[in-house]
N, C-alpha and C. Protein backbone atom coordinates (compact mmCIF):
# COMPACT_ATOMS: atom_id res chain seq x y z
N MET A 1 -12.03 7.91 -21.52
CA MET A 1 -12.63 9.00 -20.73
C MET A 1 -12.99 8.69 -19.42
N VAL A 2 -13.69 7.23 -19.54
CA VAL A 2 -14.41 6.65 -18.01
C VAL A 2 -13.45 6.09 -17.48
N SER A 3 -13.36 5.25 -17.92
CA SER A 3 -11.71 4.67 -17.25
C SER A 3 -10.99 6.11 -16.44
N GLN A 4 -10.59 7.13 -16.82
CA GLN A 4 -9.44 8.03 -16.37
C GLN A 4 -10.61 8.78 -15.01
N LEU A 5 -12.10 8.49 -15.38
CA LEU A 5 -12.75 9.08 -14.24
C LEU A 5 -13.17 8.16 -12.79
N PHE A 6 -12.76 7.06 -13.44
CA PHE A 6 -12.97 6.42 -12.47
C PHE A 6 -11.37 5.81 -11.64
N PHE A 7 -10.81 5.94 -12.27
CA PHE A 7 -9.03 6.47 -11.64
C PHE A 7 -9.18 7.11 -10.97
N PHE A 8 -9.50 8.19 -11.07
CA PHE A 8 -9.34 9.80 -10.26
C PHE A 8 -10.27 9.50 -8.99
N PHE A 9 -11.35 8.67 -9.24
CA PHE A 9 -12.31 9.04 -7.95
C PHE A 9 -11.96 7.66 -7.30
N PHE A 10 -11.31 6.81 -7.14
CA PHE A 10 -10.07 5.87 -6.59
C PHE A 10 -9.11 6.12 -6.12
N ALA A 11 -8.57 7.01 -6.88
CA ALA A 11 -7.51 7.75 -6.15
C ALA A 11 -8.20 8.93 -5.12
N ALA A 12 -8.82 9.30 -5.42
CA ALA A 12 -9.56 10.48 -4.18
C ALA A 12 -9.88 10.03 -3.02
N VAL A 13 -10.56 8.42 -3.46
CA VAL A 13 -11.05 7.87 -2.38
C VAL A 13 -9.88 7.04 -1.53
N ALA A 14 -9.05 6.68 -2.21
CA ALA A 14 -7.65 6.11 -1.37
C ALA A 14 -6.69 7.02 -0.87
N ILE A 15 -6.87 7.84 -1.04
CA ILE A 15 -6.33 9.42 -0.06
C ILE A 15 -6.95 9.74 0.81
N ALA A 16 -8.16 9.59 0.94
CA ALA A 16 -9.03 10.13 1.54
C ALA A 16 -9.33 8.62 2.85
N SER A 17 -9.07 7.51 2.67
CA SER A 17 -9.35 6.74 3.47
C SER A 17 -7.79 6.55 4.08
N GLY A 18 -7.01 6.58 3.40
CA GLY A 18 -5.32 7.26 4.08
C GLY A 18 -5.37 8.03 5.24
N ILE A 19 -5.73 9.07 4.71
CA ILE A 19 -5.79 10.11 6.11
C ILE A 19 -6.98 9.77 6.83
N GLY A 20 -8.12 8.85 7.09
CA GLY A 20 -8.86 8.27 8.07
C GLY A 20 -8.01 7.06 8.57
N LEU A 21 -7.17 6.77 8.19
CA LEU A 21 -6.38 5.59 8.65
C LEU A 21 -5.41 6.23 9.89
N ILE A 22 -4.85 7.29 9.57
CA ILE A 22 -4.08 8.08 10.30
C ILE A 22 -4.58 9.11 11.46
N VAL A 23 -5.84 9.40 10.80
CA VAL A 23 -6.65 10.51 12.46
C VAL A 23 -7.32 9.25 12.99
N SER A 24 -7.58 8.18 12.65
CA SER A 24 -8.68 7.85 13.37
C SER A 24 -7.93 7.16 14.87
N ARG A 25 -8.63 6.99 15.70
CA ARG A 25 -8.62 6.85 17.24
C ARG A 25 -8.48 5.43 17.52
N SER A 26 -9.18 4.57 16.65
CA SER A 26 -9.29 3.38 17.31
C SER A 26 -9.08 2.05 16.41
N PRO A 27 -8.22 1.37 17.17
CA PRO A 27 -7.39 0.86 15.89
C PRO A 27 -8.18 -0.65 14.76
N VAL A 28 -9.51 -0.80 15.39
CA VAL A 28 -10.35 -1.53 14.50
C VAL A 28 -10.55 -0.47 13.63
N SER A 29 -10.99 1.07 13.96
CA SER A 29 -11.85 1.68 12.29
C SER A 29 -10.36 1.90 12.01
N GLY A 30 -8.86 1.90 12.14
CA GLY A 30 -8.02 2.32 11.09
C GLY A 30 -7.68 1.00 10.48
N ALA A 31 -8.28 -0.04 11.21
CA ALA A 31 -8.06 -1.49 10.44
C ALA A 31 -9.20 -1.28 8.91
N LEU A 32 -10.32 -0.76 9.50
CA LEU A 32 -11.04 -0.96 8.49
C LEU A 32 -10.82 0.33 7.08
N TRP A 33 -10.38 0.60 7.75
CA TRP A 33 -9.81 2.40 6.81
C TRP A 33 -8.86 1.68 5.81
N LEU A 34 -7.80 1.11 5.76
CA LEU A 34 -6.71 0.26 5.36
C LEU A 34 -7.47 -0.76 4.46
N VAL A 35 -8.45 -1.51 5.02
CA VAL A 35 -9.50 -2.07 3.96
C VAL A 35 -10.00 -1.37 2.85
N LEU A 36 -10.27 -0.50 3.16
CA LEU A 36 -10.78 0.22 2.08
C LEU A 36 -9.56 0.94 1.29
N ASN A 37 -9.03 1.07 1.66
CA ASN A 37 -7.58 2.02 1.22
C ASN A 37 -7.12 0.47 0.00
N LEU A 38 -7.25 -0.48 0.26
CA LEU A 38 -5.98 -1.32 -0.04
C LEU A 38 -7.60 -1.92 -1.48
N CYS A 39 -8.71 -2.26 -0.79
CA CYS A 39 -9.72 -1.93 -2.03
C CYS A 39 -9.51 -0.99 -3.23
N CYS A 40 -9.14 0.31 -2.90
CA CYS A 40 -9.45 1.37 -3.83
C CYS A 40 -7.70 0.85 -4.72
N VAL A 41 -6.74 0.86 -4.03
CA VAL A 41 -5.71 0.45 -4.86
C VAL A 41 -5.97 -0.96 -5.70
N ALA A 42 -6.78 -1.59 -5.39
CA ALA A 42 -6.93 -3.01 -6.42
C ALA A 42 -7.90 -2.21 -7.33
N ALA A 43 -8.83 -1.46 -7.04
CA ALA A 43 -9.86 -0.48 -8.47
C ALA A 43 -8.41 0.08 -9.14
N LEU A 44 -7.94 0.90 -8.69
CA LEU A 44 -6.51 1.41 -8.90
C LEU A 44 -5.79 0.49 -9.89
N TYR A 45 -5.79 -0.36 -9.63
CA TYR A 45 -4.81 -1.73 -11.26
C TYR A 45 -6.05 -1.74 -11.68
N VAL A 46 -7.28 -2.58 -11.79
CA VAL A 46 -8.27 -2.74 -12.57
C VAL A 46 -8.47 -2.02 -13.67
N THR A 47 -8.25 -0.33 -13.12
CA THR A 47 -8.58 0.24 -14.14
C THR A 47 -7.11 0.83 -15.26
N MET A 48 -6.40 0.04 -14.66
CA MET A 48 -4.98 0.07 -15.49
C MET A 48 -4.76 -1.11 -16.52
N ASN A 49 -6.01 -1.93 -16.22
CA ASN A 49 -6.48 -3.34 -17.41
C ASN A 49 -5.10 -4.24 -16.37
N ALA A 50 -4.71 -4.10 -15.31
CA ALA A 50 -3.99 -5.16 -14.70
C ALA A 50 -4.98 -6.03 -13.85
N ARG A 51 -6.00 -6.56 -14.19
CA ARG A 51 -6.80 -7.29 -13.27
C ARG A 51 -6.48 -8.06 -12.83
N PHE A 52 -5.47 -8.99 -12.90
CA PHE A 52 -4.82 -10.26 -11.91
C PHE A 52 -4.43 -9.78 -11.30
N ILE A 53 -3.31 -8.82 -10.53
CA ILE A 53 -3.16 -8.28 -10.06
C ILE A 53 -4.18 -7.25 -8.72
N GLY A 54 -5.03 -6.77 -9.48
CA GLY A 54 -6.29 -6.23 -8.69
C GLY A 54 -6.78 -7.06 -7.73
N VAL A 55 -7.33 -8.25 -8.61
CA VAL A 55 -7.58 -9.43 -7.66
C VAL A 55 -6.10 -10.20 -6.71
N ALA A 56 -5.41 -10.22 -6.77
CA ALA A 56 -4.37 -10.25 -6.08
C ALA A 56 -4.02 -9.47 -5.04
N GLN A 57 -4.28 -7.94 -5.40
CA GLN A 57 -4.59 -7.80 -4.14
C GLN A 57 -5.58 -7.52 -3.11
N ILE A 58 -6.67 -7.82 -3.97
CA ILE A 58 -7.66 -7.89 -2.63
C ILE A 58 -8.07 -9.24 -2.04
N LEU A 59 -7.26 -10.53 -2.55
CA LEU A 59 -7.22 -11.52 -1.63
C LEU A 59 -6.17 -11.94 -0.65
N VAL A 60 -4.71 -11.38 -1.57
CA VAL A 60 -3.75 -11.42 -0.58
C VAL A 60 -4.03 -10.23 0.64
N TYR A 61 -4.13 -8.91 0.20
CA TYR A 61 -4.01 -8.25 1.36
C TYR A 61 -5.50 -7.71 2.34
N ALA A 62 -6.42 -7.02 1.25
CA ALA A 62 -7.42 -7.06 2.02
C ALA A 62 -8.15 -7.91 2.52
N GLY A 63 -7.84 -9.50 2.11
CA GLY A 63 -8.33 -10.42 2.97
C GLY A 63 -7.21 -11.07 3.97
N ALA A 64 -6.57 -11.58 3.64
CA ALA A 64 -5.32 -12.54 4.65
C ALA A 64 -4.30 -11.80 5.53
N ILE A 65 -4.20 -10.25 4.81
CA ILE A 65 -3.42 -9.59 5.86
C ILE A 65 -4.24 -8.90 6.94
N MET A 66 -5.23 -8.26 6.67
CA MET A 66 -5.95 -7.64 7.34
C MET A 66 -6.78 -8.55 8.19
N VAL A 67 -6.88 -9.97 8.03
CA VAL A 67 -6.98 -10.87 8.80
C VAL A 67 -6.49 -10.87 9.85
N LEU A 68 -5.40 -11.38 9.40
CA LEU A 68 -4.26 -11.33 10.70
C LEU A 68 -4.01 -10.02 11.27
N PHE A 69 -4.21 -8.70 10.43
CA PHE A 69 -4.11 -7.32 11.66
C PHE A 69 -5.00 -7.49 12.82
N LEU A 70 -6.34 -7.84 12.23
CA LEU A 70 -7.71 -7.66 13.31
C LEU A 70 -7.08 -8.63 14.31
N PHE A 71 -7.05 -10.37 13.94
CA PHE A 71 -6.68 -10.92 14.94
C PHE A 71 -5.23 -10.77 15.87
N VAL A 72 -4.48 -9.51 15.35
CA VAL A 72 -3.55 -9.23 16.50
C VAL A 72 -4.30 -7.84 17.30
N ILE A 73 -5.06 -7.26 16.55
CA ILE A 73 -5.63 -5.83 17.87
C ILE A 73 -6.10 -6.60 18.66
N MET A 74 -7.29 -7.61 18.09
CA MET A 74 -8.28 -8.68 19.17
C MET A 74 -7.16 -9.34 20.30
N LEU A 75 -6.33 -9.86 20.20
CA LEU A 75 -5.16 -10.53 20.51
C LEU A 75 -4.80 -9.25 21.86
N LEU A 76 -4.20 -8.45 21.42
CA LEU A 76 -3.49 -7.45 22.11
C LEU A 76 -4.37 -6.38 22.88
N ASN A 77 -5.77 -6.80 22.52
CA ASN A 77 -6.78 -5.93 23.42
C ASN A 77 -6.67 -4.49 23.72
N LEU A 78 -5.86 -3.71 22.35
CA LEU A 78 -5.69 -2.45 22.39
C LEU A 78 -7.10 -1.85 22.11
N ALA A 79 -6.57 -0.47 23.61
CA ALA A 79 -7.91 0.44 23.76
C ALA A 79 -7.95 1.23 22.66
N ALA A 80 -8.63 2.54 22.94
CA ALA A 80 -8.39 3.37 21.98
C ALA A 80 -6.80 4.26 22.01
N LEU A 81 -6.71 4.95 21.02
CA LEU A 81 -5.15 5.80 21.48
C LEU A 81 -5.78 6.43 21.89
N PRO A 82 -4.02 7.30 22.72
CA PRO A 82 -4.58 8.20 23.62
C PRO A 82 -4.52 9.73 22.60
N LYS A 83 -5.07 10.64 22.86
CA LYS A 83 -5.78 11.92 21.97
C LYS A 83 -4.35 12.52 21.86
N LEU A 84 -4.39 12.80 20.39
CA LEU A 84 -3.30 13.59 20.29
C LEU A 84 -3.22 15.08 20.63
N GLN A 85 -2.11 15.91 20.14
CA GLN A 85 -2.09 17.39 20.46
C GLN A 85 -3.18 18.10 18.99
N SER A 86 -3.63 18.94 19.57
CA SER A 86 -4.73 19.63 18.33
C SER A 86 -3.23 19.92 16.76
N ILE A 87 -4.41 19.52 15.68
CA ILE A 87 -3.42 19.96 14.72
C ILE A 87 -2.89 21.05 13.74
N ASP A 88 -2.13 21.66 13.85
CA ASP A 88 -2.02 23.20 13.26
C ASP A 88 -2.48 22.92 11.85
N TRP A 89 -3.42 23.33 11.49
CA TRP A 89 -3.85 23.32 10.03
C TRP A 89 -2.93 24.47 9.25
N LYS A 90 -2.20 25.42 9.72
CA LYS A 90 -1.58 26.26 9.15
C LYS A 90 0.06 25.33 8.57
N ARG A 91 -0.06 24.42 9.09
CA ARG A 91 1.30 23.82 8.66
C ARG A 91 1.00 22.83 8.02
N ALA A 92 -0.02 22.07 8.21
CA ALA A 92 -0.31 20.85 7.56
C ALA A 92 -0.43 21.39 5.83
N VAL A 93 -1.34 22.76 6.11
CA VAL A 93 -1.57 22.95 4.32
C VAL A 93 -0.46 23.58 3.67
N ALA A 94 0.10 23.83 4.66
CA ALA A 94 2.09 24.46 3.65
C ALA A 94 2.83 23.31 3.34
N PHE A 95 2.86 22.45 4.48
CA PHE A 95 3.39 20.92 4.10
C PHE A 95 3.03 20.30 2.75
N LEU A 96 1.58 20.04 2.55
CA LEU A 96 1.03 19.84 1.69
C LEU A 96 1.50 20.66 0.25
N LEU A 97 1.16 21.56 0.57
CA LEU A 97 1.54 22.58 -0.65
C LEU A 97 3.25 22.28 -1.24
N GLY A 98 3.75 22.71 0.20
CA GLY A 98 5.68 22.34 -0.26
C GLY A 98 5.89 20.96 -1.08
N MET A 99 4.65 19.82 -1.04
CA MET A 99 5.08 18.63 -1.27
C MET A 99 5.05 18.73 -2.81
N VAL A 100 3.53 19.01 -2.74
CA VAL A 100 3.21 19.73 -4.46
C VAL A 100 4.08 20.21 -5.06
N ILE A 101 4.95 20.99 -4.52
CA ILE A 101 5.70 22.13 -5.57
C ILE A 101 6.54 21.61 -5.90
N LEU A 102 7.35 20.76 -4.80
CA LEU A 102 8.59 19.84 -4.88
C LEU A 102 8.53 18.62 -6.40
N ALA A 103 7.23 18.01 -6.27
CA ALA A 103 6.57 17.16 -6.84
C ALA A 103 6.48 18.07 -8.30
N GLN A 104 6.14 18.88 -8.34
CA GLN A 104 6.25 19.34 -10.02
C GLN A 104 7.70 19.38 -10.10
N LEU A 105 8.33 20.70 -9.49
CA LEU A 105 9.57 20.89 -9.83
C LEU A 105 10.79 19.93 -10.28
N THR A 106 10.55 18.07 -9.27
CA THR A 106 11.41 17.38 -9.78
C THR A 106 10.47 16.48 -11.63
N TYR A 107 9.45 16.76 -11.35
CA TYR A 107 9.11 16.26 -12.59
C TYR A 107 9.39 17.18 -13.62
N VAL A 108 9.49 18.43 -13.84
CA VAL A 108 10.01 19.26 -14.79
C VAL A 108 11.62 18.96 -15.07
N LEU A 109 11.54 19.30 -14.13
CA LEU A 109 13.42 18.97 -13.72
C LEU A 109 13.93 17.83 -14.65
N ALA A 110 13.71 16.34 -14.56
CA ALA A 110 13.39 15.21 -15.19
C ALA A 110 13.21 15.29 -16.35
N GLY A 111 12.64 15.88 -16.32
CA GLY A 111 11.70 16.15 -18.14
C GLY A 111 12.56 16.46 -19.04
N SER A 112 13.54 17.52 -18.32
CA SER A 112 14.23 18.53 -19.02
C SER A 112 15.32 17.90 -18.77
N LEU A 113 15.66 16.92 -18.16
CA LEU A 113 17.06 16.01 -18.23
C LEU A 113 16.97 15.23 -19.03
N ASP A 114 15.90 14.74 -19.52
CA ASP A 114 15.24 13.76 -20.48
C ASP A 114 15.83 12.45 -19.18
N LEU A 115 15.18 12.46 -18.27
CA LEU A 115 15.46 11.22 -17.54
C LEU A 115 14.39 10.23 -17.16
N LEU A 116 12.81 11.04 -17.69
CA LEU A 116 11.66 9.82 -17.03
C LEU A 116 11.55 9.10 -18.21
N PRO A 117 11.67 7.78 -17.28
CA PRO A 117 11.17 6.47 -18.22
C PRO A 117 10.02 6.43 -19.15
N GLU A 118 10.75 6.00 -20.29
CA GLU A 118 9.58 5.58 -21.53
C GLU A 118 9.00 4.70 -21.78
N PRO A 119 7.90 4.54 -21.56
CA PRO A 119 6.52 3.65 -21.34
C PRO A 119 7.02 2.32 -22.07
N THR A 120 7.07 1.23 -21.93
CA THR A 120 7.35 0.11 -22.62
C THR A 120 6.05 -0.97 -22.42
N LEU A 121 5.46 -1.37 -23.27
CA LEU A 121 4.66 -2.41 -23.40
C LEU A 121 5.38 -3.75 -23.69
N SER A 122 5.43 -4.52 -22.39
CA SER A 122 5.75 -5.70 -22.15
C SER A 122 4.28 -6.79 -22.66
N ASP A 123 4.88 -8.43 -22.26
CA ASP A 123 3.88 -9.43 -22.32
C ASP A 123 2.80 -8.96 -21.03
N ALA A 124 4.02 -8.26 -19.42
CA ALA A 124 3.30 -8.54 -18.49
C ALA A 124 2.48 -7.38 -18.13
N ALA A 125 2.29 -6.40 -19.13
CA ALA A 125 1.58 -5.21 -18.90
C ALA A 125 -0.11 -5.98 -19.62
N SER A 126 -0.30 -6.93 -20.56
CA SER A 126 -1.73 -7.52 -20.27
C SER A 126 -2.68 -7.73 -19.16
N GLY A 127 -1.69 -8.09 -17.90
CA GLY A 127 -2.06 -8.02 -16.73
C GLY A 127 -2.31 -9.85 -16.54
N SER A 128 -2.38 -10.70 -17.29
CA SER A 128 -2.57 -11.58 -17.37
C SER A 128 -1.50 -12.75 -16.36
N ALA A 129 -2.08 -13.72 -15.73
CA ALA A 129 -1.48 -13.96 -14.84
C ALA A 129 -0.58 -15.29 -15.34
N SER A 130 -0.41 -15.78 -16.51
CA SER A 130 0.56 -16.32 -17.24
C SER A 130 1.77 -15.48 -17.67
N ALA A 131 1.39 -14.45 -18.15
CA ALA A 131 2.40 -13.16 -18.58
C ALA A 131 3.50 -12.98 -17.48
N LEU A 132 2.37 -12.42 -16.43
CA LEU A 132 3.16 -12.25 -15.01
C LEU A 132 3.60 -13.23 -14.68
N GLY A 133 3.51 -14.55 -14.14
CA GLY A 133 4.36 -15.82 -13.62
C GLY A 133 5.74 -15.68 -14.08
N ARG A 134 5.48 -15.75 -16.38
CA ARG A 134 6.63 -15.65 -16.88
C ARG A 134 8.09 -15.00 -16.57
N GLU A 135 7.48 -13.96 -16.31
CA GLU A 135 8.36 -12.24 -15.81
C GLU A 135 8.78 -12.74 -14.68
N LEU A 136 8.15 -12.78 -13.59
CA LEU A 136 8.11 -13.00 -12.40
C LEU A 136 9.27 -14.25 -12.17
N LEU A 137 9.11 -15.07 -12.96
CA LEU A 137 9.86 -16.28 -12.81
C LEU A 137 11.29 -16.45 -13.59
N THR A 138 11.14 -15.60 -14.25
CA THR A 138 12.61 -15.86 -15.70
C THR A 138 13.19 -14.14 -15.15
N ARG A 139 12.56 -12.98 -15.64
CA ARG A 139 13.33 -11.70 -15.42
C ARG A 139 13.88 -11.47 -14.16
N TYR A 140 12.66 -11.68 -13.24
CA TYR A 140 12.65 -11.15 -11.79
C TYR A 140 12.85 -12.30 -10.68
N ALA A 141 13.91 -13.32 -11.39
CA ALA A 141 13.39 -14.49 -10.35
C ALA A 141 14.85 -14.15 -8.95
N LEU A 142 15.62 -13.30 -9.59
CA LEU A 142 16.36 -13.35 -8.16
C LEU A 142 15.96 -12.09 -6.67
N PRO A 143 15.15 -11.24 -7.38
CA PRO A 143 14.74 -10.42 -6.64
C PRO A 143 13.39 -11.44 -5.54
N MET A 144 12.90 -11.81 -6.52
CA MET A 144 11.65 -12.57 -5.51
C MET A 144 12.37 -13.77 -4.77
N GLU A 145 13.61 -14.55 -4.94
CA GLU A 145 14.06 -15.03 -3.92
C GLU A 145 14.49 -14.23 -2.84
N VAL A 146 15.26 -13.45 -3.32
CA VAL A 146 16.06 -12.38 -2.09
C VAL A 146 14.43 -11.97 -1.08
N THR A 147 13.40 -11.17 -1.74
CA THR A 147 12.25 -10.90 -1.08
C THR A 147 11.67 -12.10 0.07
N GLY A 148 11.54 -13.48 -0.93
CA GLY A 148 11.14 -14.95 -0.09
C GLY A 148 12.13 -14.67 1.60
N ILE A 149 13.67 -14.83 1.16
CA ILE A 149 14.10 -15.22 2.02
C ILE A 149 14.11 -13.71 3.47
N LEU A 150 14.34 -12.57 2.89
CA LEU A 150 14.12 -11.41 3.74
C LEU A 150 12.50 -11.69 4.30
N LEU A 151 11.26 -12.52 3.87
CA LEU A 151 9.93 -12.70 4.50
C LEU A 151 10.28 -13.96 5.41
N LEU A 152 11.40 -14.75 5.17
CA LEU A 152 11.17 -15.74 5.75
C LEU A 152 11.86 -15.59 7.04
N VAL A 153 13.08 -14.56 7.02
CA VAL A 153 13.53 -13.92 8.25
C VAL A 153 12.92 -12.97 9.11
N ALA A 154 12.45 -12.31 8.68
CA ALA A 154 10.89 -11.44 9.51
C ALA A 154 10.03 -11.97 10.25
N THR A 155 9.87 -13.51 9.42
CA THR A 155 8.62 -14.15 10.23
C THR A 155 9.62 -15.11 11.31
N ILE A 156 10.80 -15.76 11.17
CA ILE A 156 11.42 -16.00 12.16
C ILE A 156 11.84 -14.88 13.36
N GLY A 157 12.07 -13.55 13.09
CA GLY A 157 12.29 -13.14 14.19
C GLY A 157 11.05 -12.65 15.00
N ALA A 158 9.91 -12.40 14.30
CA ALA A 158 8.77 -12.00 14.91
C ALA A 158 8.40 -13.26 15.90
N VAL A 159 8.26 -14.94 15.43
CA VAL A 159 8.31 -15.78 16.10
C VAL A 159 8.95 -15.82 17.33
N LEU A 160 10.03 -15.18 17.18
CA LEU A 160 11.60 -15.34 18.30
C LEU A 160 11.07 -14.08 19.14
N LEU A 161 10.60 -13.33 19.00
CA LEU A 161 9.95 -12.12 19.66
C LEU A 161 8.85 -12.29 20.42
N ALA A 162 7.85 -13.01 19.76
CA ALA A 162 6.93 -13.15 20.45
C ALA A 162 7.17 -14.36 21.66
N ARG A 163 8.40 -15.35 21.18
CA ARG A 163 8.13 -16.35 22.44
C ARG A 163 8.73 -15.97 23.54
N ARG A 164 9.97 -14.44 23.04
CA ARG A 164 10.42 -14.35 24.59
C ARG A 164 9.66 -13.76 25.28
N SER A 165 8.44 -12.93 24.53
CA SER A 165 7.49 -12.25 25.51
C SER A 165 6.46 -12.47 25.98
N SER A 166 6.35 -13.66 25.56
CA SER A 166 5.52 -14.62 26.15
C SER A 166 5.87 -15.41 27.53
N ASN A 167 7.28 -15.35 27.39
CA ASN A 167 8.03 -16.20 28.43
C ASN A 167 8.36 -15.43 29.52
N LYS A 168 8.30 -14.19 29.44
CA LYS A 168 8.47 -12.87 30.33
C LYS A 168 7.19 -12.92 31.49
N ARG A 169 5.76 -13.52 30.91
CA ARG A 169 4.88 -13.23 31.45
C ARG A 169 4.62 -14.03 32.68
């Protein structure tokens, strides 16, 4: 019962920090909202007994990736974003209610057609590093390699684009 309360608390904070990220005008404060969101997601992993993934979330995303984001923000010397038009709250609430109703209808339809996945417990469900590594390097080896190649291509593309824009100056 206590873990469910923590789960819903961290889920609510994650949603609120996501909204804070979207509506913040300063890129630095937006990055700080994102750090809060990533820490809440790590706490959600911990409440689901995936401690290794929660710690990896903090180290990799909230640590390394956010430091990179902050360096890019500071290097580009981004000022405050221009003020957007005022938000039409009626449309925003109608959109949110529509999405909730759509999610409920999809869940009910999937349940009636027996399309919901069955929960399975594997070794990786324990959240230990060795079980997770065993699953990633045996069962999911091909998706891991494809992801690595995609990240390499994206990194090379970013370096080439940065080099091209620095040569124009």
